[in-house]
């Protein structure tokens, strides 16, 4: 296996989980910092909490989509039915689930106000 194919394999396996984790951690911290009483006054880095959370979601969805595509390429190109093809399939399925999770979180950001009262 060449270095390029190894990189594509690990991109397909790891990109979506890392993107989901980053969206979860960074998105939560940006909303908490922006909505804190006396803290952010509803702003994060000069933009509203909604906008900041949507930017984080869009970047995470892009990274996860790249990972899903890389996993799909690995799964479809590999001819030997071994661990490489299995990792490509697992990365594709897991990445697709996590990409859907990221997109559903984005829909929640659009539908609900992050700084609203419970």
Protein backbone atom coordinates (compact mmCIF):
# COMPACT_ATOMS: atom_id res chain seq x y z
CA UNK A 1 0.00 0.00 0.00
CA UNK A 2 1.41 3.39 -0.97
CA UNK A 3 1.61 6.41 1.31
CA UNK A 4 -1.11 8.19 -0.63
CA UNK A 5 -3.54 5.30 -0.31
CA UNK A 6 -2.72 4.99 3.38
CA UNK A 7 -3.48 8.69 3.86
CA UNK A 8 -6.81 8.38 2.04
CA UNK A 9 -7.69 5.32 4.12
CA UNK A 10 -7.05 7.08 7.44
CA UNK A 11 -8.74 10.25 6.21
CA UNK A 12 -11.83 8.16 5.52
CA UNK A 13 -11.69 6.48 8.90
CA UNK A 14 -10.88 9.48 11.11
CA UNK A 15 -12.18 12.66 9.45
CA UNK A 16 -15.89 12.34 10.30
CA UNK A 17 -15.43 11.38 13.98
CA UNK A 18 -12.94 14.21 14.49
CA UNK A 19 -15.22 16.69 12.70
CA UNK A 20 -18.19 15.62 14.83
CA UNK A 21 -16.15 15.96 18.03
CA UNK A 22 -14.87 19.39 16.97
CA UNK A 23 -18.39 20.56 16.18
CA UNK A 24 -19.62 19.30 19.52
CA UNK A 25 -16.80 20.84 21.58
CA UNK A 26 -16.24 24.12 19.72
CA UNK A 27 -19.92 24.72 19.03
CA UNK A 28 -20.83 24.18 22.67
CA UNK A 29 -18.07 26.46 23.92
CA UNK A 30 -18.93 29.22 21.44
CA UNK A 31 -22.59 29.18 22.42
CA UNK A 32 -21.82 29.01 26.14
CA UNK A 33 -19.32 31.88 25.87
CA UNK A 34 -21.67 33.98 23.77
CA UNK A 35 -24.72 33.36 25.93
CA UNK A 36 -23.05 33.72 29.34
CA UNK A 37 -24.60 36.49 31.42
CA UNK A 38 -22.11 39.34 31.45
CA UNK A 39 -19.78 37.34 29.22
CA UNK A 40 -20.31 37.51 25.52
CA UNK A 41 -23.47 39.62 25.10
CA UNK A 42 -24.60 37.20 22.40
CA UNK A 43 -21.45 37.50 20.29
CA UNK A 44 -18.53 35.21 19.50
CA UNK A 45 -15.58 36.65 17.56
CA UNK A 46 -17.69 39.57 16.36
CA UNK A 47 -20.62 37.50 15.09
CA UNK A 48 -23.78 36.25 16.71
CA UNK A 49 -23.88 32.91 18.45
CA UNK A 50 -26.19 31.52 15.73
CA UNK A 51 -23.73 32.53 13.01
CA UNK A 52 -20.72 31.17 14.89
CA UNK A 53 -22.42 27.83 15.52
CA UNK A 54 -23.47 27.59 11.86
CA UNK A 55 -19.92 28.34 10.67
CA UNK A 56 -18.56 25.59 12.92
CA UNK A 57 -21.28 23.23 11.66
CA UNK A 58 -20.56 24.03 8.00
CA UNK A 59 -16.83 23.41 8.43
CA UNK A 60 -17.48 20.16 10.31
CA UNK A 61 -19.92 18.99 7.61
CA UNK A 62 -17.36 19.76 4.90
CA UNK A 63 -14.60 17.83 6.68
CA UNK A 64 -16.94 14.90 7.40
CA UNK A 65 -18.10 14.88 3.76
CA UNK A 66 -14.49 14.72 2.58
CA UNK A 67 -13.91 11.81 4.97
CA UNK A 68 -16.99 9.95 3.73
CA UNK A 69 -15.86 10.41 0.14
CA UNK A 70 -12.34 9.19 0.97
CA UNK A 71 -13.77 6.12 2.71
CA UNK A 72 -16.04 5.41 -0.26
CA UNK A 73 -13.10 5.65 -2.65
CA UNK A 74 -11.05 3.30 -0.46
CA UNK A 75 -13.89 0.80 -0.23
CA UNK A 76 -14.68 0.83 -3.96
CA UNK A 77 -11.08 0.89 -5.30
CA UNK A 78 -9.58 -1.80 -3.07
CA UNK A 79 -9.96 -5.19 -4.72
CA UNK A 80 -8.43 -7.39 -2.04
CA UNK A 81 -11.15 -8.39 0.45
CA UNK A 82 -9.06 -7.68 3.51
CA UNK A 83 -8.80 -5.20 6.32
CA UNK A 84 -8.26 -2.19 4.02
CA UNK A 85 -11.55 -2.73 2.24
CA UNK A 86 -13.29 -3.36 5.57
CA UNK A 87 -11.88 -0.13 7.01
CA UNK A 88 -13.11 1.73 3.92
CA UNK A 89 -16.60 0.31 4.37
CA UNK A 90 -16.62 0.99 8.12
CA UNK A 91 -15.38 4.53 7.55
CA UNK A 92 -18.06 5.10 4.93
CA UNK A 93 -20.94 3.84 7.09
CA UNK A 94 -19.72 5.47 10.29
CA UNK A 95 -18.87 8.70 8.52
CA UNK A 96 -22.29 8.86 6.87
CA UNK A 97 -23.99 8.47 10.25
CA UNK A 98 -21.81 11.17 11.79
CA UNK A 99 -22.33 13.48 8.81
CA UNK A 100 -26.08 13.08 9.28
CA UNK A 101 -25.63 13.86 12.99
CA UNK A 102 -23.69 17.03 12.17
CA UNK A 103 -26.36 18.14 9.70
CA UNK A 104 -29.17 17.44 12.17
CA UNK A 105 -27.37 19.54 14.78
CA UNK A 106 -27.20 22.34 12.20
CA UNK A 107 -30.94 22.09 11.65
CA UNK A 108 -31.40 22.38 15.41
CA UNK A 109 -29.29 25.54 15.42
CA UNK A 110 -31.47 27.04 12.69
CA UNK A 111 -34.74 26.04 14.38
CA UNK A 112 -33.90 27.03 17.97
CA UNK A 113 -32.29 30.06 19.54
CA UNK A 114 -29.13 29.02 21.40
CA UNK A 115 -29.47 31.84 23.94
CA UNK A 116 -33.21 31.38 24.55
CA UNK A 117 -34.72 30.48 27.88
CA UNK A 118 -35.44 26.83 28.62
